[in-house]
Amino acid sequence: GVDIDGQDDSYDFGSGAGFYVDATKPKWAKHYRMYSYVTTELPDLVLGQLPLDKERMSLMGHSMGGHGALICALKNPGRYRSVSVFSAICHPSQCDWGIKAFTGYLGKANVTSAWHAYDATELIQRYAGPHLPILLDQGDADDFLKSKQLLPDHLISALQDCPNRDQLDLESRVRPGYDHSYFYIQTFVAEHINFHAKYLLA
């Protein structure tokens, strides 16, 4: 592994949270390239070792991973058949978690271009690809929802500003009484698997 000063200091930055960006600040740029890792390096490695169909891929993620799933799908039109998320960070350039990560990895200069390139709420407004089904799953008792870290309502509202919105099939499911935990995920993950199967097997 790599040893970068400060990378283990907090759960929401560094080794605890790469935020699926390709870092540009010199301290992080060489090793913190999680966007390229999950969209290129890892798929190429897996496809090179296993008999998988690269034309039938979908994405699922939770919290920061939900942010990652959304941006990877929106930045790569036509590559993924569907995307689903639990408790996703939907507007990172407007929440404390995202602002901390983007400032650290990308810097404060050119905020609009650099930050918005990894922000689902910004990306969805200019999506110009083929049909993309999106399942947005959120528990209404999630403390991070209440503290404005997730902002799914921003993503839903931004969809209305997309000229190509007819190609984005976004379904929002709000789960009364559920929080941010893995118990919430395990309760509804079968629904997500069935959601993806509908498009992967089409």
C-alpha atoms as a PDB file:
ATOM      1  CA  GLY A   1       0.000   0.000   0.000  1.00  0.00           C
ATOM      2  CA  VAL A   2       0.852   3.644  -0.162  1.00  0.00           C
ATOM      3  CA  ASP A   3       1.685   5.823   2.843  1.00  0.00           C
ATOM      4  CA  ILE A   4       0.586   9.441   2.432  1.00  0.00           C
ATOM      5  CA  ASP A   5       0.746  11.772   5.397  1.00  0.00           C
ATOM      6  CA  GLY A   6      -2.751  12.368   6.774  1.00  0.00           C
ATOM      7  CA  GLN A   7      -4.529   9.747   4.696  1.00  0.00           C
ATOM      8  CA  ASP A   8      -5.760   7.836   7.760  1.00  0.00           C
ATOM      9  CA  ASP A   9      -6.730  10.831   9.879  1.00  0.00           C
ATOM     10  CA  SER A  10     -10.497  10.778   9.255  1.00  0.00           C
ATOM     11  CA  TYR A  11     -13.211   8.404   8.096  1.00  0.00           C
ATOM     12  CA  ASP A  12     -14.503  10.767   5.403  1.00  0.00           C
ATOM     13  CA  PHE A  13     -11.274  11.465   3.509  1.00  0.00           C
ATOM     14  CA  GLY A  14      -8.132   9.676   2.396  1.00  0.00           C
ATOM     15  CA  SER A  15      -8.075   5.915   2.929  1.00  0.00           C
ATOM     16  CA  GLY A  16     -11.585   6.118   4.366  1.00  0.00           C
ATOM     17  CA  ALA A  17     -13.190   7.885   1.418  1.00  0.00           C
ATOM     18  CA  GLY A  18     -11.716   8.269  -2.058  1.00  0.00           C
ATOM     19  CA  PHE A  19     -14.998   9.713  -3.354  1.00  0.00           C
ATOM     20  CA  TYR A  20     -14.567   8.117  -6.789  1.00  0.00           C
ATOM     21  CA  VAL A  21     -12.610  11.022  -8.220  1.00  0.00           C
ATOM     22  CA  ASP A  22      -9.278  11.171 -10.005  1.00  0.00           C
ATOM     23  CA  ALA A  23      -7.431  13.532  -7.675  1.00  0.00           C
ATOM     24  CA  THR A  24      -5.583  16.457  -9.237  1.00  0.00           C
ATOM     25  CA  LYS A  25      -3.900  17.984  -6.183  1.00  0.00           C
ATOM     26  CA  PRO A  26      -0.264  16.825  -6.277  1.00  0.00           C
ATOM     27  CA  LYS A  27      -0.289  15.133  -2.875  1.00  0.00           C
ATOM     28  CA  TRP A  28      -3.071  12.758  -3.924  1.00  0.00           C
ATOM     29  CA  ALA A  29      -2.944  12.691  -7.722  1.00  0.00           C
ATOM     30  CA  LYS A  30      -0.675   9.670  -8.178  1.00  0.00           C
ATOM     31  CA  HIS A  31      -2.510   7.168  -6.000  1.00  0.00           C
ATOM     32  CA  TYR A  32      -6.047   8.500  -5.498  1.00  0.00           C
ATOM     33  CA  ARG A  33      -7.555   7.782  -8.907  1.00  0.00           C
ATOM     34  CA  MET A  34     -10.664   5.895  -7.874  1.00  0.00           C
ATOM     35  CA  TYR A  35     -12.791   6.979 -10.818  1.00  0.00           C
ATOM     36  CA  SER A  36     -10.321   5.489 -13.295  1.00  0.00           C
ATOM     37  CA  TYR A  37      -9.904   2.438 -11.087  1.00  0.00           C
ATOM     38  CA  VAL A  38     -13.593   1.519 -10.981  1.00  0.00           C
ATOM     39  CA  THR A  39     -14.389   2.435 -14.592  1.00  0.00           C
ATOM     40  CA  THR A  40     -11.262   1.113 -16.329  1.00  0.00           C
ATOM     41  CA  GLU A  41      -8.623  -0.735 -14.306  1.00  0.00           C
ATOM     42  CA  LEU A  42     -10.883  -2.995 -12.241  1.00  0.00           C
ATOM     43  CA  PRO A  43     -13.325  -3.916 -15.051  1.00  0.00           C
ATOM     44  CA  ASP A  44     -10.427  -4.692 -17.405  1.00  0.00           C
ATOM     45  CA  LEU A  45      -8.843  -6.920 -14.766  1.00  0.00           C
ATOM     46  CA  VAL A  46     -12.071  -8.798 -14.028  1.00  0.00           C
ATOM     47  CA  LEU A  47     -13.029  -9.168 -17.694  1.00  0.00           C
ATOM     48  CA  GLY A  48      -9.556 -10.490 -18.427  1.00  0.00           C
ATOM     49  CA  GLN A  49      -9.920 -13.258 -15.851  1.00  0.00           C
ATOM     50  CA  LEU A  50     -13.583 -14.249 -16.006  1.00  0.00           C
ATOM     51  CA  PRO A  51     -15.998 -15.049 -18.872  1.00  0.00           C
ATOM     52  CA  LEU A  52     -18.254 -12.052 -18.304  1.00  0.00           C
ATOM     53  CA  ASP A  53     -20.330 -10.071 -20.788  1.00  0.00           C
ATOM     54  CA  LYS A  54     -19.001  -6.508 -20.926  1.00  0.00           C
ATOM     55  CA  GLU A  55     -22.120  -5.423 -22.808  1.00  0.00           C
ATOM     56  CA  ARG A  56     -24.321  -6.293 -19.814  1.00  0.00           C
ATOM     57  CA  MET A  57     -23.161  -4.315 -16.808  1.00  0.00           C
ATOM     58  CA  SER A  58     -24.994  -2.362 -14.150  1.00  0.00           C
ATOM     59  CA  LEU A  59     -24.038  -0.433 -11.032  1.00  0.00           C
ATOM     60  CA  MET A  60     -25.194  -0.415  -7.419  1.00  0.00           C
ATOM     61  CA  GLY A  61     -23.869   1.599  -4.495  1.00  0.00           C
ATOM     62  CA  HIS A  62     -24.524   2.832  -0.965  1.00  0.00           C
ATOM     63  CA  SER A  63     -23.806   6.293   0.474  1.00  0.00           C
ATOM     64  CA  MET A  64     -20.459   7.419  -1.014  1.00  0.00           C
ATOM     65  CA  GLY A  65     -20.643   4.305  -3.188  1.00  0.00           C
ATOM     66  CA  GLY A  66     -24.042   5.487  -4.356  1.00  0.00           C
ATOM     67  CA  HIS A  67     -22.433   8.753  -5.404  1.00  0.00           C
ATOM     68  CA  GLY A  68     -19.823   6.709  -7.268  1.00  0.00           C
ATOM     69  CA  ALA A  69     -22.409   4.549  -9.006  1.00  0.00           C
ATOM     70  CA  LEU A  70     -24.413   7.567 -10.151  1.00  0.00           C
ATOM     71  CA  ILE A  71     -21.491   9.530 -11.547  1.00  0.00           C
ATOM     72  CA  CYS A  72     -19.980   6.512 -13.309  1.00  0.00           C
ATOM     73  CA  ALA A  73     -23.290   5.806 -15.043  1.00  0.00           C
ATOM     74  CA  LEU A  74     -23.942   9.436 -15.965  1.00  0.00           C
ATOM     75  CA  LYS A  75     -20.382  10.032 -17.215  1.00  0.00           C
ATOM     76  CA  ASN A  76     -20.388   6.898 -19.392  1.00  0.00           C
ATOM     77  CA  PRO A  77     -23.643   6.929 -21.401  1.00  0.00           C
ATOM     78  CA  GLY A  78     -24.561   3.544 -22.811  1.00  0.00           C
ATOM     79  CA  ARG A  79     -21.984   1.595 -20.836  1.00  0.00           C
ATOM     80  CA  TYR A  80     -24.280   0.459 -18.030  1.00  0.00           C
ATOM     81  CA  ARG A  81     -27.763  -0.987 -18.436  1.00  0.00           C
ATOM     82  CA  SER A  82     -29.016   0.423 -15.116  1.00  0.00           C
ATOM     83  CA  VAL A  83     -27.919   1.993 -11.841  1.00  0.00           C
ATOM     84  CA  SER A  84     -29.370   1.741  -8.341  1.00  0.00           C
ATOM     85  CA  VAL A  85     -28.359   3.387  -5.090  1.00  0.00           C
ATOM     86  CA  PHE A  86     -29.105   3.273  -1.384  1.00  0.00           C
ATOM     87  CA  SER A  87     -28.772   6.506   0.609  1.00  0.00           C
ATOM     88  CA  ALA A  88     -26.568   8.083  -2.052  1.00  0.00           C
ATOM     89  CA  ILE A  89     -24.642  11.325  -1.701  1.00  0.00           C
ATOM     90  CA  CYS A  90     -26.448  13.015  -4.572  1.00  0.00           C
ATOM     91  CA  HIS A  91     -25.049  16.555  -4.584  1.00  0.00           C
ATOM     92  CA  PRO A  92     -21.525  16.384  -3.148  1.00  0.00           C
ATOM     93  CA  SER A  93     -20.514  19.896  -4.155  1.00  0.00           C
ATOM     94  CA  GLN A  94     -23.245  21.162  -1.799  1.00  0.00           C
ATOM     95  CA  CYS A  95     -22.746  18.951   1.285  1.00  0.00           C
ATOM     96  CA  ASP A  96     -20.034  18.927   3.956  1.00  0.00           C
ATOM     97  CA  TRP A  97     -18.694  15.470   3.042  1.00  0.00           C
ATOM     98  CA  GLY A  98     -18.344  16.333  -0.616  1.00  0.00           C
ATOM     99  CA  ILE A  99     -16.947  19.815  -0.075  1.00  0.00           C
ATOM    100  CA  LYS A 100     -14.227  18.376   2.165  1.00  0.00           C
ATOM    101  CA  ALA A 101     -13.357  15.639  -0.329  1.00  0.00           C
ATOM    102  CA  PHE A 102     -13.466  17.797  -3.440  1.00  0.00           C
ATOM    103  CA  THR A 103     -11.402  20.545  -1.796  1.00  0.00           C
ATOM    104  CA  GLY A 104      -8.826  17.996  -0.694  1.00  0.00           C
ATOM    105  CA  TYR A 105      -8.584  16.026  -3.925  1.00  0.00           C
ATOM    106  CA  LEU A 106      -9.447  18.606  -6.588  1.00  0.00           C
ATOM    107  CA  GLY A 107      -8.735  21.970  -4.980  1.00  0.00           C
ATOM    108  CA  LYS A 108     -10.839  25.106  -4.693  1.00  0.00           C
ATOM    109  CA  ALA A 109      -9.876  26.583  -8.063  1.00  0.00           C
ATOM    110  CA  ASN A 110     -12.176  25.931 -11.016  1.00  0.00           C
ATOM    111  CA  VAL A 111     -14.843  24.625  -8.673  1.00  0.00           C
ATOM    112  CA  THR A 112     -17.556  24.619 -11.323  1.00  0.00           C
ATOM    113  CA  SER A 113     -15.713  22.545 -13.918  1.00  0.00           C
ATOM    114  CA  ALA A 114     -13.664  20.286 -11.633  1.00  0.00           C
ATOM    115  CA  TRP A 115     -16.249  19.590  -8.941  1.00  0.00           C
ATOM    116  CA  HIS A 116     -19.273  19.356 -11.203  1.00  0.00           C
ATOM    117  CA  ALA A 117     -17.528  16.669 -13.260  1.00  0.00           C
ATOM    118  CA  TYR A 118     -18.011  14.358 -10.257  1.00  0.00           C
ATOM    119  CA  ASP A 119     -21.408  15.559  -9.039  1.00  0.00           C
ATOM    120  CA  ALA A 120     -24.512  13.564 -10.015  1.00  0.00           C
ATOM    121  CA  THR A 121     -26.881  16.511  -9.581  1.00  0.00           C
ATOM    122  CA  GLU A 122     -24.814  18.562 -12.011  1.00  0.00           C
ATOM    123  CA  LEU A 123     -24.160  15.685 -14.431  1.00  0.00           C
ATOM    124  CA  ILE A 124     -27.796  14.642 -14.714  1.00  0.00           C
ATOM    125  CA  GLN A 125     -28.737  18.073 -16.096  1.00  0.00           C
ATOM    126  CA  ARG A 126     -26.549  17.552 -19.163  1.00  0.00           C
ATOM    127  CA  TYR A 127     -26.964  13.824 -19.734  1.00  0.00           C
ATOM    128  CA  ALA A 128     -27.163  13.193 -23.475  1.00  0.00           C
ATOM    129  CA  GLY A 129     -26.986   9.413 -23.695  1.00  0.00           C
ATOM    130  CA  PRO A 130     -29.367   6.523 -24.294  1.00  0.00           C
ATOM    131  CA  HIS A 131     -32.044   5.236 -21.915  1.00  0.00           C
ATOM    132  CA  LEU A 132     -30.765   4.875 -18.348  1.00  0.00           C
ATOM    133  CA  PRO A 133     -32.982   3.434 -15.587  1.00  0.00           C
ATOM    134  CA  ILE A 134     -32.100   4.803 -12.133  1.00  0.00           C
ATOM    135  CA  LEU A 135     -33.427   3.472  -8.821  1.00  0.00           C
ATOM    136  CA  LEU A 136     -32.987   5.944  -5.955  1.00  0.00           C
ATOM    137  CA  ASP A 137     -33.652   4.287  -2.583  1.00  0.00           C
ATOM    138  CA  GLN A 138     -33.720   6.291   0.649  1.00  0.00           C
ATOM    139  CA  GLY A 139     -34.747   5.663   4.250  1.00  0.00           C
ATOM    140  CA  ASP A 140     -36.604   8.597   5.782  1.00  0.00           C
ATOM    141  CA  ALA A 141     -35.066   8.036   9.243  1.00  0.00           C
ATOM    142  CA  ASP A 142     -31.516   8.448   7.921  1.00  0.00           C
ATOM    143  CA  ASP A 143     -29.615  10.932  10.099  1.00  0.00           C
ATOM    144  CA  PHE A 144     -27.414  11.881   7.145  1.00  0.00           C
ATOM    145  CA  LEU A 145     -30.515  12.728   5.127  1.00  0.00           C
ATOM    146  CA  LYS A 146     -31.653  14.990   7.940  1.00  0.00           C
ATOM    147  CA  SER A 147     -28.238  16.675   8.187  1.00  0.00           C
ATOM    148  CA  LYS A 148     -28.256  17.486   4.443  1.00  0.00           C
ATOM    149  CA  GLN A 149     -25.378  15.197   3.498  1.00  0.00           C
ATOM    150  CA  LEU A 150     -27.336  13.207   0.890  1.00  0.00           C
ATOM    151  CA  LEU A 151     -29.690  15.682  -0.845  1.00  0.00           C
ATOM    152  CA  PRO A 152     -31.653  13.265  -3.062  1.00  0.00           C
ATOM    153  CA  ASP A 153     -34.264  15.965  -3.620  1.00  0.00           C
ATOM    154  CA  HIS A 154     -31.630  18.012  -5.458  1.00  0.00           C
ATOM    155  CA  LEU A 155     -31.024  15.162  -7.901  1.00  0.00           C
ATOM    156  CA  ILE A 156     -34.734  14.663  -8.524  1.00  0.00           C
ATOM    157  CA  SER A 157     -35.250  18.396  -9.121  1.00  0.00           C
ATOM    158  CA  ALA A 158     -32.203  18.639 -11.402  1.00  0.00           C
ATOM    159  CA  LEU A 159     -33.595  15.939 -13.661  1.00  0.00           C
ATOM    160  CA  GLN A 160     -36.295  18.378 -14.738  1.00  0.00           C
ATOM    161  CA  ASP A 161     -33.586  20.643 -16.197  1.00  0.00           C
ATOM    162  CA  CYS A 162     -32.185  17.920 -18.459  1.00  0.00           C
ATOM    163  CA  PRO A 163     -33.156  18.411 -22.132  1.00  0.00           C
ATOM    164  CA  ASN A 164     -32.789  14.638 -22.546  1.00  0.00           C
ATOM    165  CA  ARG A 165     -34.847  13.757 -19.462  1.00  0.00           C
ATOM    166  CA  ASP A 166     -37.087  11.363 -21.389  1.00  0.00           C
ATOM    167  CA  GLN A 167     -34.079   9.030 -21.553  1.00  0.00           C
ATOM    168  CA  LEU A 168     -33.612   9.072 -17.774  1.00  0.00           C
ATOM    169  CA  ASP A 169     -36.079   6.798 -16.028  1.00  0.00           C
ATOM    170  CA  LEU A 170     -35.647   7.732 -12.365  1.00  0.00           C
ATOM    171  CA  GLU A 171     -37.666   5.869  -9.745  1.00  0.00           C
ATOM    172  CA  SER A 172     -37.510   7.120  -6.153  1.00  0.00           C
ATOM    173  CA  ARG A 173     -38.451   4.846  -3.250  1.00  0.00           C
ATOM    174  CA  VAL A 174     -38.672   6.300   0.249  1.00  0.00           C
ATOM    175  CA  ARG A 175     -38.599   3.746   3.081  1.00  0.00           C
ATOM    176  CA  PRO A 176     -40.430   4.885   6.236  1.00  0.00           C
ATOM    177  CA  GLY A 177     -38.471   4.246   9.427  1.00  0.00           C
ATOM    178  CA  TYR A 178     -35.236   3.060   7.794  1.00  0.00           C
ATOM    179  CA  ASP A 179     -31.859   4.645   8.463  1.00  0.00           C
ATOM    180  CA  HIS A 180     -28.411   4.527   6.807  1.00  0.00           C
ATOM    181  CA  SER A 181     -27.446   1.058   8.031  1.00  0.00           C
ATOM    182  CA  TYR A 182     -26.650  -2.250   6.368  1.00  0.00           C
ATOM    183  CA  PHE A 183     -29.862  -3.645   7.882  1.00  0.00           C
ATOM    184  CA  TYR A 184     -31.746  -1.256   5.620  1.00  0.00           C
ATOM    185  CA  ILE A 185     -29.763  -2.446   2.607  1.00  0.00           C
ATOM    186  CA  GLN A 186     -30.276  -6.141   3.313  1.00  0.00           C
ATOM    187  CA  THR A 187     -34.006  -5.553   3.670  1.00  0.00           C
ATOM    188  CA  PHE A 188     -34.379  -4.182   0.148  1.00  0.00           C
ATOM    189  CA  VAL A 189     -31.365  -5.445  -1.799  1.00  0.00           C
ATOM    190  CA  ALA A 190     -33.431  -8.176  -3.478  1.00  0.00           C
ATOM    191  CA  GLU A 191     -35.583  -5.455  -5.034  1.00  0.00           C
ATOM    192  CA  HIS A 192     -32.448  -3.889  -6.481  1.00  0.00           C
ATOM    193  CA  ILE A 193     -31.219  -7.202  -7.864  1.00  0.00           C
ATOM    194  CA  ASN A 194     -34.577  -7.724  -9.548  1.00  0.00           C
ATOM    195  CA  PHE A 195     -34.474  -4.163 -10.875  1.00  0.00           C
ATOM    196  CA  HIS A 196     -31.114  -4.779 -12.540  1.00  0.00           C
ATOM    197  CA  ALA A 197     -32.076  -8.239 -13.780  1.00  0.00           C
ATOM    198  CA  LYS A 198     -34.941  -6.724 -15.748  1.00  0.00           C
ATOM    199  CA  TYR A 199     -32.471  -4.700 -17.818  1.00  0.00           C
ATOM    200  CA  LEU A 200     -29.491  -7.045 -17.830  1.00  0.00           C
ATOM    201  CA  LEU A 201     -31.596  -9.916 -19.146  1.00  0.00           C
ATOM    202  CA  ALA A 202     -33.586  -7.867 -21.649  1.00  0.00           C
END
